[in-house]
Amino acid sequence: YGWEYPDGDSYATLQLPGALHVNSAQTYEAAALAGLGVIQAPLLGIGRYLESGALVEIIPDFRRRPLAVSLVVAHRSNLSRRVRAFMKWIEDVLTPYME
């Protein structure tokens, strides 16, 4: 475990001491909301807490770079209308969450 931060073209990890380790996003967020420490979490999950002021971003210069999202299909030529419709739908659903 550690704090990941951008280091050139890759990431480095800073090992930090901690008394609490969790294995669910909800518990992680709850710990931060309870004031138990600093977390590193995706904006998608905690954006509403940042907007409300319940959480505060403290080191914006060390945000992770966005991850690419891909939809993989077996053969691009000959896609059925259903597959094309699904691809369009999932793009419309996810686009507002991509930054």
C-alpha atoms as a PDB file:
ATOM      1  CA  TYR A   1       0.000   0.000   0.000  1.00  0.00           C
ATOM      2  CA  GLY A   2       1.119   3.543  -0.528  1.00  0.00           C
ATOM      3  CA  TRP A   3       0.428   6.903  -2.080  1.00  0.00           C
ATOM      4  CA  GLU A   4       0.797   6.807  -5.868  1.00  0.00           C
ATOM      5  CA  TYR A   5       1.941   9.985  -7.546  1.00  0.00           C
ATOM      6  CA  PRO A   6       3.009  10.976 -11.086  1.00  0.00           C
ATOM      7  CA  ASP A   7       6.753  10.637 -11.640  1.00  0.00           C
ATOM      8  CA  GLY A   8       7.637  11.525 -15.218  1.00  0.00           C
ATOM      9  CA  ASP A   9       5.900   9.125 -17.596  1.00  0.00           C
ATOM     10  CA  SER A  10       5.036   6.609 -14.866  1.00  0.00           C
ATOM     11  CA  TYR A  11       4.069   6.547 -11.205  1.00  0.00           C
ATOM     12  CA  ALA A  12       5.997   6.181  -7.988  1.00  0.00           C
ATOM     13  CA  THR A  13       4.666   4.972  -4.658  1.00  0.00           C
ATOM     14  CA  LEU A  14       5.383   6.591  -1.323  1.00  0.00           C
ATOM     15  CA  GLN A  15       4.967   4.118   1.535  1.00  0.00           C
ATOM     16  CA  LEU A  16       3.030   5.720   4.368  1.00  0.00           C
ATOM     17  CA  PRO A  17       2.265   4.406   7.829  1.00  0.00           C
ATOM     18  CA  GLY A  18      -1.391   3.801   8.531  1.00  0.00           C
ATOM     19  CA  ALA A  19      -3.565   2.252  11.174  1.00  0.00           C
ATOM     20  CA  LEU A  20      -6.566   1.557   8.929  1.00  0.00           C
ATOM     21  CA  HIS A  21      -6.723  -0.669   5.853  1.00  0.00           C
ATOM     22  CA  VAL A  22     -10.031  -1.305   4.094  1.00  0.00           C
ATOM     23  CA  ASN A  23     -11.177  -3.450   1.198  1.00  0.00           C
ATOM     24  CA  SER A  24     -14.229  -1.576  -0.047  1.00  0.00           C
ATOM     25  CA  ALA A  25     -14.709   1.821  -1.657  1.00  0.00           C
ATOM     26  CA  GLN A  26     -17.653   2.615   0.630  1.00  0.00           C
ATOM     27  CA  THR A  27     -15.600   2.002   3.781  1.00  0.00           C
ATOM     28  CA  TYR A  28     -12.721   4.023   2.321  1.00  0.00           C
ATOM     29  CA  GLU A  29     -15.021   6.984   1.643  1.00  0.00           C
ATOM     30  CA  ALA A  30     -16.699   6.639   5.060  1.00  0.00           C
ATOM     31  CA  ALA A  31     -13.313   6.746   6.784  1.00  0.00           C
ATOM     32  CA  ALA A  32     -12.426   9.966   4.977  1.00  0.00           C
ATOM     33  CA  LEU A  33     -15.819  11.504   5.733  1.00  0.00           C
ATOM     34  CA  ALA A  34     -15.306  10.608   9.404  1.00  0.00           C
ATOM     35  CA  GLY A  35     -12.000  12.499   9.372  1.00  0.00           C
ATOM     36  CA  LEU A  36      -9.803   9.442   9.823  1.00  0.00           C
ATOM     37  CA  GLY A  37      -7.158  10.512   7.334  1.00  0.00           C
ATOM     38  CA  VAL A  38      -6.252  11.330   3.770  1.00  0.00           C
ATOM     39  CA  ILE A  39      -7.460   9.197   0.866  1.00  0.00           C
ATOM     40  CA  GLN A  40      -6.594   8.884  -2.799  1.00  0.00           C
ATOM     41  CA  ALA A  41      -9.814   8.090  -4.661  1.00  0.00           C
ATOM     42  CA  PRO A  42     -11.333   8.476  -8.129  1.00  0.00           C
ATOM     43  CA  LEU A  43     -13.223  11.706  -8.714  1.00  0.00           C
ATOM     44  CA  LEU A  44     -16.154   9.662  -9.999  1.00  0.00           C
ATOM     45  CA  GLY A  45     -16.663   8.183  -6.541  1.00  0.00           C
ATOM     46  CA  ILE A  46     -16.054  11.231  -4.360  1.00  0.00           C
ATOM     47  CA  GLY A  47     -16.998  14.131  -6.633  1.00  0.00           C
ATOM     48  CA  ARG A  48     -20.267  14.721  -4.819  1.00  0.00           C
ATOM     49  CA  TYR A  49     -18.397  15.061  -1.516  1.00  0.00           C
ATOM     50  CA  LEU A  50     -15.999  17.579  -3.018  1.00  0.00           C
ATOM     51  CA  GLU A  51     -18.909  19.597  -4.450  1.00  0.00           C
ATOM     52  CA  SER A  52     -20.721  19.645  -1.101  1.00  0.00           C
ATOM     53  CA  GLY A  53     -17.564  20.537   0.834  1.00  0.00           C
ATOM     54  CA  ALA A  54     -17.674  17.337   2.907  1.00  0.00           C
ATOM     55  CA  LEU A  55     -14.218  16.504   1.513  1.00  0.00           C
ATOM     56  CA  VAL A  56     -11.504  18.889   0.341  1.00  0.00           C
ATOM     57  CA  GLU A  57      -8.863  18.192  -2.296  1.00  0.00           C
ATOM     58  CA  ILE A  58      -5.495  18.974  -0.742  1.00  0.00           C
ATOM     59  CA  ILE A  59      -2.900  18.194  -3.444  1.00  0.00           C
ATOM     60  CA  PRO A  60      -4.461  18.679  -6.895  1.00  0.00           C
ATOM     61  CA  ASP A  61      -1.044  18.693  -8.589  1.00  0.00           C
ATOM     62  CA  PHE A  62      -0.706  14.990  -7.789  1.00  0.00           C
ATOM     63  CA  ARG A  63      -3.856  13.692  -9.435  1.00  0.00           C
ATOM     64  CA  ARG A  64      -3.511  10.493 -11.412  1.00  0.00           C
ATOM     65  CA  ARG A  65      -3.750  10.838 -15.156  1.00  0.00           C
ATOM     66  CA  PRO A  66      -7.086   9.657 -16.591  1.00  0.00           C
ATOM     67  CA  LEU A  67      -7.228   6.034 -17.706  1.00  0.00           C
ATOM     68  CA  ALA A  68      -8.273   5.196 -21.238  1.00  0.00           C
ATOM     69  CA  VAL A  69     -11.563   3.377 -21.703  1.00  0.00           C
ATOM     70  CA  SER A  70     -11.942   0.955 -24.598  1.00  0.00           C
ATOM     71  CA  LEU A  71     -14.747  -1.172 -25.921  1.00  0.00           C
ATOM     72  CA  VAL A  72     -13.362  -4.304 -27.569  1.00  0.00           C
ATOM     73  CA  VAL A  73     -15.269  -6.211 -30.251  1.00  0.00           C
ATOM     74  CA  ALA A  74     -14.206  -9.304 -32.162  1.00  0.00           C
ATOM     75  CA  HIS A  75     -14.649  -7.909 -35.683  1.00  0.00           C
ATOM     76  CA  ARG A  76     -15.237  -4.249 -36.428  1.00  0.00           C
ATOM     77  CA  SER A  77     -16.673  -4.857 -39.898  1.00  0.00           C
ATOM     78  CA  ASN A  78     -20.036  -6.642 -39.776  1.00  0.00           C
ATOM     79  CA  LEU A  79     -21.156  -5.361 -36.370  1.00  0.00           C
ATOM     80  CA  SER A  80     -24.841  -5.977 -35.822  1.00  0.00           C
ATOM     81  CA  ARG A  81     -27.178  -3.058 -35.224  1.00  0.00           C
ATOM     82  CA  ARG A  82     -27.609  -4.276 -31.649  1.00  0.00           C
ATOM     83  CA  VAL A  83     -23.880  -4.104 -30.978  1.00  0.00           C
ATOM     84  CA  ARG A  84     -23.622  -0.660 -32.599  1.00  0.00           C
ATOM     85  CA  ALA A  85     -26.613   0.549 -30.542  1.00  0.00           C
ATOM     86  CA  PHE A  86     -25.021  -0.779 -27.346  1.00  0.00           C
ATOM     87  CA  MET A  87     -21.705   0.895 -28.196  1.00  0.00           C
ATOM     88  CA  LYS A  88     -23.459   4.231 -28.735  1.00  0.00           C
ATOM     89  CA  TRP A  89     -25.499   3.827 -25.541  1.00  0.00           C
ATOM     90  CA  ILE A  90     -22.492   2.983 -23.349  1.00  0.00           C
ATOM     91  CA  GLU A  91     -20.566   5.920 -24.829  1.00  0.00           C
ATOM     92  CA  ASP A  92     -23.459   8.275 -23.993  1.00  0.00           C
ATOM     93  CA  VAL A  93     -23.712   6.889 -20.461  1.00  0.00           C
ATOM     94  CA  LEU A  94     -19.977   7.094 -19.676  1.00  0.00           C
ATOM     95  CA  THR A  95     -19.042  10.363 -21.408  1.00  0.00           C
ATOM     96  CA  PRO A  96     -20.232  12.667 -18.581  1.00  0.00           C
ATOM     97  CA  TYR A  97     -17.984  10.784 -16.122  1.00  0.00           C
ATOM     98  CA  MET A  98     -14.804  10.975 -18.177  1.00  0.00           C
ATOM     99  CA  GLU A  99     -12.407  13.811 -17.413  1.00  0.00           C
END
